[in-house]
């Protein structure tokens, strides 16, 4: 009985050693995978065949621990994706701090109108006899036709906040889909650029209805019969007066400086140029007043400096 237990124990020991030896020799490239690093027998099941003496893997966790973070292995993967998404949103918000202005500039840089804005105020009918004033929310909707038909809607307590939220959503969508660059300029496909260049070279075409043609003809006849003669006579008379005027008046600038009269800006009188004696007399009067000036009786703000 004792010998039987001894043989069974040695057989189990050799079986474990052979299994570990096979796991380390046959699968050297999977040592970094989850499961083999902890316990090979728990995660990998082997089936032994006598005719070929080979081992086959029936289950292996395809998660490489070397290149994965601990949070991705131990927690939900959605947490990491949420953090990355928030970082991308913050980056876009920093690039475009004024989303509404960015969208307006984007419209000015495109040949056609790419979106429309619609506002709507949610109205709630008050119940009861006493009508209470309610702050109805505003809903702003950005409807895009380029690069594809898309709608962005947001609701807020004010019209401006609702527009900012909807514009922010539109900016994020355009930037993530690579339809605008970091400066807010539109990004077109190569085929679209070729079509735009073709449209630039093509002549413009306009369609006018028969009713509009008749109306234009009527207006032209009235101009030829009554208005044209009046304009031509007026221009001819003005041209003749310009020819008879002196050269001083016909200059592009104003009348020459020497012909101007010096008029006082307040009283409207002619101001003769001051003589040297008048200037000296004015200086003596100011000097005399300055010597009699009393700082204590008449303080001025400039005295501190």
C-alpha atoms as a PDB file:
ATOM      1  CA  UNK A   1       0.000   0.000   0.000  1.00  0.00           C
ATOM      2  CA  UNK A   2       2.823   2.335   0.865  1.00  0.00           C
ATOM      3  CA  UNK A   3       4.654   1.575  -2.410  1.00  0.00           C
ATOM      4  CA  UNK A   4       1.477   2.193  -4.428  1.00  0.00           C
ATOM      5  CA  UNK A   5       1.002   5.681  -2.916  1.00  0.00           C
ATOM      6  CA  UNK A   6       4.669   6.453  -3.533  1.00  0.00           C
ATOM      7  CA  UNK A   7       4.403   5.522  -7.226  1.00  0.00           C
ATOM      8  CA  UNK A   8       1.232   7.580  -7.648  1.00  0.00           C
ATOM      9  CA  UNK A   9       2.873  10.660  -6.064  1.00  0.00           C
ATOM     10  CA  UNK A  10       5.936  10.377  -8.295  1.00  0.00           C
ATOM     11  CA  UNK A  11       3.708  10.002 -11.373  1.00  0.00           C
ATOM     12  CA  UNK A  12       1.765  13.175 -10.493  1.00  0.00           C
ATOM     13  CA  UNK A  13       5.009  15.081  -9.926  1.00  0.00           C
ATOM     14  CA  UNK A  14       6.415  13.997 -13.299  1.00  0.00           C
ATOM     15  CA  UNK A  15       3.150  14.896 -15.007  1.00  0.00           C
ATOM     16  CA  UNK A  16       3.281  18.448 -13.622  1.00  0.00           C
ATOM     17  CA  UNK A  17       6.924  18.851 -14.607  1.00  0.00           C
ATOM     18  CA  UNK A  18       6.253  17.651 -18.164  1.00  0.00           C
ATOM     19  CA  UNK A  19       3.287  20.007 -18.522  1.00  0.00           C
ATOM     20  CA  UNK A  20       5.270  23.054 -17.337  1.00  0.00           C
ATOM     21  CA  UNK A  21       8.200  22.036 -19.544  1.00  0.00           C
ATOM     22  CA  UNK A  22       5.916  21.821 -22.582  1.00  0.00           C
ATOM     23  CA  UNK A  23       4.339  25.190 -21.807  1.00  0.00           C
ATOM     24  CA  UNK A  24       7.742  26.897 -21.587  1.00  0.00           C
ATOM     25  CA  UNK A  25       9.304  25.212 -24.658  1.00  0.00           C
ATOM     26  CA  UNK A  26       6.405  24.962 -27.098  1.00  0.00           C
ATOM     27  CA  UNK A  27       4.956  28.460 -26.389  1.00  0.00           C
ATOM     28  CA  UNK A  28       7.947  30.771 -25.891  1.00  0.00           C
ATOM     29  CA  UNK A  29       6.304  33.645 -27.810  1.00  0.00           C
ATOM     30  CA  UNK A  30       3.191  33.685 -25.590  1.00  0.00           C
ATOM     31  CA  UNK A  31       4.930  34.284 -22.275  1.00  0.00           C
ATOM     32  CA  UNK A  32       3.675  37.864 -22.162  1.00  0.00           C
ATOM     33  CA  UNK A  33       0.022  36.904 -22.583  1.00  0.00           C
ATOM     34  CA  UNK A  34      -2.413  37.034 -19.714  1.00  0.00           C
ATOM     35  CA  UNK A  35      -2.860  33.634 -18.060  1.00  0.00           C
ATOM     36  CA  UNK A  36       0.536  32.111 -18.794  1.00  0.00           C
ATOM     37  CA  UNK A  37       2.287  34.613 -16.527  1.00  0.00           C
ATOM     38  CA  UNK A  38       0.187  33.507 -13.523  1.00  0.00           C
ATOM     39  CA  UNK A  39      -0.575  29.854 -14.020  1.00  0.00           C
ATOM     40  CA  UNK A  40      -0.279  27.979 -17.288  1.00  0.00           C
ATOM     41  CA  UNK A  41      -2.449  25.067 -16.196  1.00  0.00           C
ATOM     42  CA  UNK A  42      -5.429  27.255 -15.233  1.00  0.00           C
ATOM     43  CA  UNK A  43      -5.669  29.201 -18.498  1.00  0.00           C
ATOM     44  CA  UNK A  44      -4.252  26.719 -21.058  1.00  0.00           C
ATOM     45  CA  UNK A  45      -5.616  23.211 -21.446  1.00  0.00           C
ATOM     46  CA  UNK A  46      -3.405  20.653 -23.197  1.00  0.00           C
ATOM     47  CA  UNK A  47      -4.375  17.350 -24.760  1.00  0.00           C
ATOM     48  CA  UNK A  48      -1.671  14.708 -24.980  1.00  0.00           C
ATOM     49  CA  UNK A  49      -1.547  12.348 -27.992  1.00  0.00           C
ATOM     50  CA  UNK A  50       0.582   9.242 -27.836  1.00  0.00           C
ATOM     51  CA  UNK A  51       1.000   8.751 -31.590  1.00  0.00           C
ATOM     52  CA  UNK A  52       2.653  12.150 -32.220  1.00  0.00           C
ATOM     53  CA  UNK A  53       3.668  13.235 -28.745  1.00  0.00           C
ATOM     54  CA  UNK A  54       2.538  16.862 -29.390  1.00  0.00           C
ATOM     55  CA  UNK A  55       0.541  19.451 -27.444  1.00  0.00           C
ATOM     56  CA  UNK A  56      -2.274  21.692 -28.708  1.00  0.00           C
ATOM     57  CA  UNK A  57      -3.730  24.830 -27.097  1.00  0.00           C
ATOM     58  CA  UNK A  58      -7.502  24.851 -26.677  1.00  0.00           C
ATOM     59  CA  UNK A  59      -7.876  28.177 -24.849  1.00  0.00           C
ATOM     60  CA  UNK A  60      -5.626  31.235 -24.610  1.00  0.00           C
ATOM     61  CA  UNK A  61      -6.520  34.699 -23.446  1.00  0.00           C
ATOM     62  CA  UNK A  62      -5.589  37.022 -26.372  1.00  0.00           C
ATOM     63  CA  UNK A  63      -4.625  39.966 -24.183  1.00  0.00           C
ATOM     64  CA  UNK A  64      -1.013  41.095 -24.196  1.00  0.00           C
ATOM     65  CA  UNK A  65      -0.109  42.488 -20.775  1.00  0.00           C
ATOM     66  CA  UNK A  66       3.053  44.148 -22.007  1.00  0.00           C
ATOM     67  CA  UNK A  67       1.272  46.723 -24.171  1.00  0.00           C
ATOM     68  CA  UNK A  68      -1.929  47.288 -22.140  1.00  0.00           C
ATOM     69  CA  UNK A  69      -2.464  49.599 -19.205  1.00  0.00           C
ATOM     70  CA  UNK A  70      -3.597  48.280 -15.853  1.00  0.00           C
ATOM     71  CA  UNK A  71      -6.872  50.191 -16.080  1.00  0.00           C
ATOM     72  CA  UNK A  72      -7.783  48.497 -19.354  1.00  0.00           C
ATOM     73  CA  UNK A  73      -7.163  45.055 -17.834  1.00  0.00           C
ATOM     74  CA  UNK A  74      -8.799  45.504 -14.446  1.00  0.00           C
ATOM     75  CA  UNK A  75     -11.607  48.010 -15.094  1.00  0.00           C
ATOM     76  CA  UNK A  76     -14.174  48.662 -17.776  1.00  0.00           C
ATOM     77  CA  UNK A  77     -12.717  49.750 -21.106  1.00  0.00           C
ATOM     78  CA  UNK A  78     -15.431  52.389 -21.434  1.00  0.00           C
ATOM     79  CA  UNK A  79     -13.826  54.499 -18.693  1.00  0.00           C
ATOM     80  CA  UNK A  80     -10.647  54.900 -20.725  1.00  0.00           C
ATOM     81  CA  UNK A  81     -12.608  55.748 -23.865  1.00  0.00           C
ATOM     82  CA  UNK A  82     -14.589  58.368 -21.951  1.00  0.00           C
ATOM     83  CA  UNK A  83     -11.388  60.016 -20.700  1.00  0.00           C
ATOM     84  CA  UNK A  84      -9.932  60.103 -24.212  1.00  0.00           C
ATOM     85  CA  UNK A  85     -13.183  61.541 -25.612  1.00  0.00           C
ATOM     86  CA  UNK A  86     -13.207  64.298 -22.992  1.00  0.00           C
ATOM     87  CA  UNK A  87      -9.616  65.204 -23.849  1.00  0.00           C
ATOM     88  CA  UNK A  88     -10.491  65.491 -27.537  1.00  0.00           C
ATOM     89  CA  UNK A  89     -13.492  67.681 -26.735  1.00  0.00           C
ATOM     90  CA  UNK A  90     -11.374  69.974 -24.549  1.00  0.00           C
ATOM     91  CA  UNK A  91      -8.769  70.285 -27.298  1.00  0.00           C
ATOM     92  CA  UNK A  92     -11.409  71.285 -29.863  1.00  0.00           C
ATOM     93  CA  UNK A  93     -12.982  73.753 -27.439  1.00  0.00           C
ATOM     94  CA  UNK A  94      -9.578  75.381 -26.868  1.00  0.00           C
ATOM     95  CA  UNK A  95      -9.043  75.678 -30.630  1.00  0.00           C
ATOM     96  CA  UNK A  96     -12.444  77.279 -31.233  1.00  0.00           C
ATOM     97  CA  UNK A  97     -13.442  79.321 -28.158  1.00  0.00           C
ATOM     98  CA  UNK A  98     -16.159  81.187 -30.135  1.00  0.00           C
ATOM     99  CA  UNK A  99     -18.045  78.521 -32.109  1.00  0.00           C
ATOM    100  CA  UNK A 100     -20.713  80.811 -33.552  1.00  0.00           C
ATOM    101  CA  UNK A 101     -18.145  83.249 -34.935  1.00  0.00           C
ATOM    102  CA  UNK A 102     -16.169  80.327 -36.379  1.00  0.00           C
ATOM    103  CA  UNK A 103     -19.238  79.034 -38.227  1.00  0.00           C
ATOM    104  CA  UNK A 104     -20.024  82.505 -39.590  1.00  0.00           C
ATOM    105  CA  UNK A 105     -16.460  82.853 -40.884  1.00  0.00           C
ATOM    106  CA  UNK A 106     -16.735  79.365 -42.375  1.00  0.00           C
ATOM    107  CA  UNK A 107     -19.820  80.450 -44.329  1.00  0.00           C
ATOM    108  CA  UNK A 108     -17.970  83.466 -45.729  1.00  0.00           C
ATOM    109  CA  UNK A 109     -15.167  81.176 -46.962  1.00  0.00           C
ATOM    110  CA  UNK A 110     -17.481  78.805 -48.874  1.00  0.00           C
ATOM    111  CA  UNK A 111     -19.065  79.567 -52.265  1.00  0.00           C
ATOM    112  CA  UNK A 112     -22.534  78.474 -51.136  1.00  0.00           C
ATOM    113  CA  UNK A 113     -24.478  78.604 -47.913  1.00  0.00           C
ATOM    114  CA  UNK A 114     -23.709  75.458 -45.936  1.00  0.00           C
ATOM    115  CA  UNK A 115     -26.098  75.743 -42.983  1.00  0.00           C
ATOM    116  CA  UNK A 116     -29.206  77.455 -41.676  1.00  0.00           C
ATOM    117  CA  UNK A 117     -30.125  78.507 -38.142  1.00  0.00           C
ATOM    118  CA  UNK A 118     -33.587  78.102 -36.668  1.00  0.00           C
ATOM    119  CA  UNK A 119     -34.760  79.311 -33.262  1.00  0.00           C
ATOM    120  CA  UNK A 120     -37.855  78.197 -31.409  1.00  0.00           C
ATOM    121  CA  UNK A 121     -39.137  79.079 -27.965  1.00  0.00           C
ATOM    122  CA  UNK A 122     -40.958  76.387 -26.053  1.00  0.00           C
ATOM    123  CA  UNK A 123     -44.281  77.793 -24.884  1.00  0.00           C
ATOM    124  CA  UNK A 124     -46.228  76.234 -22.028  1.00  0.00           C
ATOM    125  CA  UNK A 125     -49.865  77.183 -21.459  1.00  0.00           C
ATOM    126  CA  UNK A 126     -50.356  78.080 -17.771  1.00  0.00           C
ATOM    127  CA  UNK A 127     -53.061  76.240 -15.878  1.00  0.00           C
ATOM    128  CA  UNK A 128     -55.511  77.786 -13.447  1.00  0.00           C
ATOM    129  CA  UNK A 129     -56.879  81.283 -13.117  1.00  0.00           C
ATOM    130  CA  UNK A 130     -53.644  82.958 -12.086  1.00  0.00           C
ATOM    131  CA  UNK A 131     -51.225  83.063 -14.973  1.00  0.00           C
ATOM    132  CA  UNK A 132     -47.680  82.723 -13.712  1.00  0.00           C
ATOM    133  CA  UNK A 133     -44.891  84.091 -15.902  1.00  0.00           C
ATOM    134  CA  UNK A 134     -42.681  81.193 -16.945  1.00  0.00           C
ATOM    135  CA  UNK A 135     -39.167  81.307 -18.349  1.00  0.00           C
ATOM    136  CA  UNK A 136     -39.630  79.327 -21.537  1.00  0.00           C
ATOM    137  CA  UNK A 137     -36.500  77.664 -22.882  1.00  0.00           C
ATOM    138  CA  UNK A 138     -35.055  78.340 -26.319  1.00  0.00           C
ATOM    139  CA  UNK A 139     -34.184  75.666 -28.863  1.00  0.00           C
ATOM    140  CA  UNK A 140     -31.544  76.369 -31.511  1.00  0.00           C
ATOM    141  CA  UNK A 141     -31.105  74.115 -34.546  1.00  0.00           C
ATOM    142  CA  UNK A 142     -28.188  74.182 -36.998  1.00  0.00           C
ATOM    143  CA  UNK A 143     -29.161  72.434 -40.246  1.00  0.00           C
ATOM    144  CA  UNK A 144     -26.126  71.616 -42.414  1.00  0.00           C
ATOM    145  CA  UNK A 145     -26.159  70.718 -46.096  1.00  0.00           C
ATOM    146  CA  UNK A 146     -22.359  70.423 -46.390  1.00  0.00           C
ATOM    147  CA  UNK A 147     -20.472  68.129 -46.197  1.00  0.00           C
ATOM    148  CA  UNK A 148     -23.675  66.138 -45.676  1.00  0.00           C
ATOM    149  CA  UNK A 149     -27.151  66.729 -44.349  1.00  0.00           C
ATOM    150  CA  UNK A 150     -26.837  66.957 -40.592  1.00  0.00           C
ATOM    151  CA  UNK A 151     -28.817  68.598 -37.807  1.00  0.00           C
ATOM    152  CA  UNK A 152     -27.559  69.835 -34.434  1.00  0.00           C
ATOM    153  CA  UNK A 153     -30.082  70.881 -31.817  1.00  0.00           C
ATOM    154  CA  UNK A 154     -29.674  72.248 -28.320  1.00  0.00           C
ATOM    155  CA  UNK A 155     -31.985  73.702 -25.674  1.00  0.00           C
ATOM    156  CA  UNK A 156     -31.055  76.270 -23.027  1.00  0.00           C
ATOM    157  CA  UNK A 157     -32.609  78.926 -20.847  1.00  0.00           C
ATOM    158  CA  UNK A 158     -31.560  81.723 -23.217  1.00  0.00           C
ATOM    159  CA  UNK A 159     -31.309  82.100 -26.956  1.00  0.00           C
ATOM    160  CA  UNK A 160     -27.571  82.765 -26.882  1.00  0.00           C
ATOM    161  CA  UNK A 161     -26.716  79.750 -24.727  1.00  0.00           C
ATOM    162  CA  UNK A 162     -28.745  77.451 -26.955  1.00  0.00           C
ATOM    163  CA  UNK A 163     -26.938  78.787 -30.038  1.00  0.00           C
ATOM    164  CA  UNK A 164     -23.518  78.344 -28.391  1.00  0.00           C
ATOM    165  CA  UNK A 165     -24.252  74.722 -27.471  1.00  0.00           C
ATOM    166  CA  UNK A 166     -25.528  73.819 -30.938  1.00  0.00           C
ATOM    167  CA  UNK A 167     -22.597  75.588 -32.614  1.00  0.00           C
ATOM    168  CA  UNK A 168     -20.143  73.727 -30.356  1.00  0.00           C
ATOM    169  CA  UNK A 169     -21.653  70.395 -31.400  1.00  0.00           C
ATOM    170  CA  UNK A 170     -21.356  71.365 -35.069  1.00  0.00           C
ATOM    171  CA  UNK A 171     -17.730  72.470 -34.681  1.00  0.00           C
ATOM    172  CA  UNK A 172     -16.810  69.194 -32.953  1.00  0.00           C
ATOM    173  CA  UNK A 173     -18.445  67.160 -35.702  1.00  0.00           C
ATOM    174  CA  UNK A 174     -16.751  69.116 -38.502  1.00  0.00           C
ATOM    175  CA  UNK A 175     -13.301  68.956 -36.894  1.00  0.00           C
ATOM    176  CA  UNK A 176     -13.475  65.248 -36.008  1.00  0.00           C
ATOM    177  CA  UNK A 177     -14.607  64.391 -39.559  1.00  0.00           C
ATOM    178  CA  UNK A 178     -11.733  66.530 -40.956  1.00  0.00           C
ATOM    179  CA  UNK A 179     -13.995  69.034 -42.710  1.00  0.00           C
ATOM    180  CA  UNK A 180     -12.311  72.062 -41.121  1.00  0.00           C
ATOM    181  CA  UNK A 181      -8.718  72.655 -40.102  1.00  0.00           C
ATOM    182  CA  UNK A 182      -7.342  74.194 -36.917  1.00  0.00           C
ATOM    183  CA  UNK A 183      -7.974  77.699 -38.321  1.00  0.00           C
ATOM    184  CA  UNK A 184     -11.616  77.026 -39.172  1.00  0.00           C
ATOM    185  CA  UNK A 185     -11.092  76.905 -42.953  1.00  0.00           C
ATOM    186  CA  UNK A 186     -13.120  74.369 -44.971  1.00  0.00           C
ATOM    187  CA  UNK A 187     -11.422  71.184 -46.159  1.00  0.00           C
ATOM    188  CA  UNK A 188     -12.685  69.852 -49.498  1.00  0.00           C
ATOM    189  CA  UNK A 189     -12.117  66.577 -51.272  1.00  0.00           C
ATOM    190  CA  UNK A 190     -10.090  66.607 -54.458  1.00  0.00           C
ATOM    191  CA  UNK A 191     -13.135  65.809 -56.588  1.00  0.00           C
ATOM    192  CA  UNK A 192     -15.077  68.671 -55.025  1.00  0.00           C
ATOM    193  CA  UNK A 193     -12.213  71.088 -55.728  1.00  0.00           C
ATOM    194  CA  UNK A 194     -12.170  70.030 -59.379  1.00  0.00           C
ATOM    195  CA  UNK A 195     -15.914  70.653 -59.643  1.00  0.00           C
ATOM    196  CA  UNK A 196     -15.551  74.106 -58.072  1.00  0.00           C
ATOM    197  CA  UNK A 197     -12.785  75.032 -60.528  1.00  0.00           C
ATOM    198  CA  UNK A 198     -14.993  73.946 -63.427  1.00  0.00           C
ATOM    199  CA  UNK A 199     -17.853  76.084 -62.126  1.00  0.00           C
ATOM    200  CA  UNK A 200     -15.559  79.118 -61.937  1.00  0.00           C
ATOM    201  CA  UNK A 201     -14.597  78.799 -65.603  1.00  0.00           C
ATOM    202  CA  UNK A 202     -18.151  78.277 -66.860  1.00  0.00           C
ATOM    203  CA  UNK A 203     -20.125  81.375 -67.960  1.00  0.00           C
ATOM    204  CA  UNK A 204     -22.984  82.556 -65.803  1.00  0.00           C
ATOM    205  CA  UNK A 205     -26.505  81.747 -66.937  1.00  0.00           C
ATOM    206  CA  UNK A 206     -29.713  83.479 -65.907  1.00  0.00           C
ATOM    207  CA  UNK A 207     -33.320  82.655 -66.677  1.00  0.00           C
ATOM    208  CA  UNK A 208     -35.906  85.447 -67.036  1.00  0.00           C
ATOM    209  CA  UNK A 209     -39.606  84.933 -67.470  1.00  0.00           C
ATOM    210  CA  UNK A 210     -41.595  86.511 -70.310  1.00  0.00           C
ATOM    211  CA  UNK A 211     -43.400  88.786 -67.875  1.00  0.00           C
ATOM    212  CA  UNK A 212     -40.073  90.171 -66.597  1.00  0.00           C
ATOM    213  CA  UNK A 213     -38.877  90.772 -70.172  1.00  0.00           C
ATOM    214  CA  UNK A 214     -42.001  92.812 -70.950  1.00  0.00           C
ATOM    215  CA  UNK A 215     -41.579  94.844 -67.757  1.00  0.00           C
ATOM    216  CA  UNK A 216     -37.913  95.577 -68.547  1.00  0.00           C
ATOM    217  CA  UNK A 217     -38.858  96.677 -72.071  1.00  0.00           C
ATOM    218  CA  UNK A 218     -41.511  99.032 -70.714  1.00  0.00           C
ATOM    219  CA  UNK A 219     -39.049 100.640 -68.279  1.00  0.00           C
ATOM    220  CA  UNK A 220     -36.445 101.061 -71.029  1.00  0.00           C
ATOM    221  CA  UNK A 221     -38.943 102.795 -73.326  1.00  0.00           C
ATOM    222  CA  UNK A 222     -39.904 105.231 -70.555  1.00  0.00           C
ATOM    223  CA  UNK A 223     -36.224 105.997 -69.956  1.00  0.00           C
ATOM    224  CA  UNK A 224     -35.554 106.601 -73.652  1.00  0.00           C
ATOM    225  CA  UNK A 225     -38.604 108.813 -74.122  1.00  0.00           C
ATOM    226  CA  UNK A 226     -38.673 111.005 -71.007  1.00  0.00           C
ATOM    227  CA  UNK A 227     -35.745 110.519 -68.618  1.00  0.00           C
ATOM    228  CA  UNK A 228     -32.768 110.282 -70.963  1.00  0.00           C
ATOM    229  CA  UNK A 229     -33.219 113.776 -72.434  1.00  0.00           C
ATOM    230  CA  UNK A 230     -33.401 115.363 -68.976  1.00  0.00           C
ATOM    231  CA  UNK A 231     -30.182 113.666 -67.844  1.00  0.00           C
ATOM    232  CA  UNK A 232     -28.306 114.617 -70.996  1.00  0.00           C
ATOM    233  CA  UNK A 233     -29.381 118.266 -70.767  1.00  0.00           C
ATOM    234  CA  UNK A 234     -28.365 118.461 -67.096  1.00  0.00           C
ATOM    235  CA  UNK A 235     -24.941 116.925 -67.739  1.00  0.00           C
ATOM    236  CA  UNK A 236     -24.349 119.258 -70.703  1.00  0.00           C
ATOM    237  CA  UNK A 237     -25.166 122.343 -68.638  1.00  0.00           C
ATOM    238  CA  UNK A 238     -22.951 121.215 -65.748  1.00  0.00           C
ATOM    239  CA  UNK A 239     -20.081 120.504 -68.118  1.00  0.00           C
ATOM    240  CA  UNK A 240     -20.347 124.008 -69.610  1.00  0.00           C
ATOM    241  CA  UNK A 241     -20.266 125.610 -66.147  1.00  0.00           C
ATOM    242  CA  UNK A 242     -17.175 123.630 -65.192  1.00  0.00           C
ATOM    243  CA  UNK A 243     -15.384 124.903 -68.285  1.00  0.00           C
ATOM    244  CA  UNK A 244     -16.182 128.547 -67.447  1.00  0.00           C
ATOM    245  CA  UNK A 245     -15.069 128.255 -63.780  1.00  0.00           C
ATOM    246  CA  UNK A 246     -11.544 129.380 -62.785  1.00  0.00           C
ATOM    247  CA  UNK A 247      -8.855 126.789 -62.247  1.00  0.00           C
ATOM    248  CA  UNK A 248      -8.786 127.416 -58.469  1.00  0.00           C
ATOM    249  CA  UNK A 249     -12.269 126.008 -57.994  1.00  0.00           C
ATOM    250  CA  UNK A 250     -11.831 123.045 -60.354  1.00  0.00           C
ATOM    251  CA  UNK A 251      -8.941 121.584 -58.357  1.00  0.00           C
ATOM    252  CA  UNK A 252      -9.439 118.284 -56.593  1.00  0.00           C
ATOM    253  CA  UNK A 253      -8.542 119.799 -53.225  1.00  0.00           C
ATOM    254  CA  UNK A 254     -10.071 122.829 -51.545  1.00  0.00           C
ATOM    255  CA  UNK A 255      -9.290 126.434 -52.377  1.00  0.00           C
ATOM    256  CA  UNK A 256      -5.641 127.391 -52.027  1.00  0.00           C
ATOM    257  CA  UNK A 257      -4.473 128.355 -48.567  1.00  0.00           C
ATOM    258  CA  UNK A 258      -3.445 131.878 -49.555  1.00  0.00           C
ATOM    259  CA  UNK A 259      -6.968 132.624 -50.774  1.00  0.00           C
ATOM    260  CA  UNK A 260      -8.591 131.503 -47.541  1.00  0.00           C
ATOM    261  CA  UNK A 261      -9.799 134.020 -44.980  1.00  0.00           C
ATOM    262  CA  UNK A 262      -8.662 133.436 -41.409  1.00  0.00           C
ATOM    263  CA  UNK A 263     -11.886 133.179 -39.431  1.00  0.00           C
ATOM    264  CA  UNK A 264     -12.080 132.745 -35.677  1.00  0.00           C
ATOM    265  CA  UNK A 265     -13.446 129.249 -34.934  1.00  0.00           C
ATOM    266  CA  UNK A 266     -15.694 130.519 -32.078  1.00  0.00           C
ATOM    267  CA  UNK A 267     -16.700 134.085 -32.917  1.00  0.00           C
ATOM    268  CA  UNK A 268     -16.632 133.718 -36.679  1.00  0.00           C
ATOM    269  CA  UNK A 269     -14.645 136.921 -37.214  1.00  0.00           C
ATOM    270  CA  UNK A 270     -11.645 137.522 -39.374  1.00  0.00           C
ATOM    271  CA  UNK A 271      -8.481 136.962 -37.345  1.00  0.00           C
ATOM    272  CA  UNK A 272      -5.480 138.982 -38.531  1.00  0.00           C
ATOM    273  CA  UNK A 273      -2.080 137.367 -38.012  1.00  0.00           C
ATOM    274  CA  UNK A 274      -0.434 138.384 -34.726  1.00  0.00           C
ATOM    275  CA  UNK A 275       2.494 140.791 -34.873  1.00  0.00           C
ATOM    276  CA  UNK A 276       5.747 140.373 -33.015  1.00  0.00           C
ATOM    277  CA  UNK A 277       4.900 143.157 -30.566  1.00  0.00           C
ATOM    278  CA  UNK A 278       1.523 141.564 -29.768  1.00  0.00           C
ATOM    279  CA  UNK A 279       3.159 138.236 -28.997  1.00  0.00           C
ATOM    280  CA  UNK A 280       5.729 139.871 -26.685  1.00  0.00           C
ATOM    281  CA  UNK A 281       2.971 141.792 -24.881  1.00  0.00           C
ATOM    282  CA  UNK A 282       1.051 138.563 -24.366  1.00  0.00           C
ATOM    283  CA  UNK A 283       4.129 136.852 -22.901  1.00  0.00           C
ATOM    284  CA  UNK A 284       4.702 139.702 -20.422  1.00  0.00           C
ATOM    285  CA  UNK A 285       1.080 139.539 -19.244  1.00  0.00           C
ATOM    286  CA  UNK A 286       1.254 135.800 -18.657  1.00  0.00           C
ATOM    287  CA  UNK A 287       4.555 136.130 -16.770  1.00  0.00           C
ATOM    288  CA  UNK A 288       3.116 138.810 -14.495  1.00  0.00           C
ATOM    289  CA  UNK A 289       0.070 136.674 -13.688  1.00  0.00           C
ATOM    290  CA  UNK A 290       2.259 133.669 -12.937  1.00  0.00           C
ATOM    291  CA  UNK A 291       4.388 135.627 -10.414  1.00  0.00           C
ATOM    292  CA  UNK A 292       1.263 136.785  -8.557  1.00  0.00           C
ATOM    293  CA  UNK A 293      -0.147 133.273  -8.495  1.00  0.00           C
ATOM    294  CA  UNK A 294      -0.850 131.933  -5.003  1.00  0.00           C
ATOM    295  CA  UNK A 295      -0.711 128.154  -4.712  1.00  0.00           C
ATOM    296  CA  UNK A 296      -2.635 128.069  -1.417  1.00  0.00           C
ATOM    297  CA  UNK A 297      -5.591 130.074  -2.700  1.00  0.00           C
ATOM    298  CA  UNK A 298      -5.849 128.417  -6.100  1.00  0.00           C
ATOM    299  CA  UNK A 299      -4.669 124.791  -5.993  1.00  0.00           C
ATOM    300  CA  UNK A 300      -4.505 122.976  -9.272  1.00  0.00           C
ATOM    301  CA  UNK A 301      -4.165 119.243 -10.015  1.00  0.00           C
ATOM    302  CA  UNK A 302      -0.942 119.879 -11.874  1.00  0.00           C
ATOM    303  CA  UNK A 303       0.717 121.230  -8.711  1.00  0.00           C
ATOM    304  CA  UNK A 304       1.535 117.672  -7.582  1.00  0.00           C
ATOM    305  CA  UNK A 305       3.751 117.147 -10.590  1.00  0.00           C
END
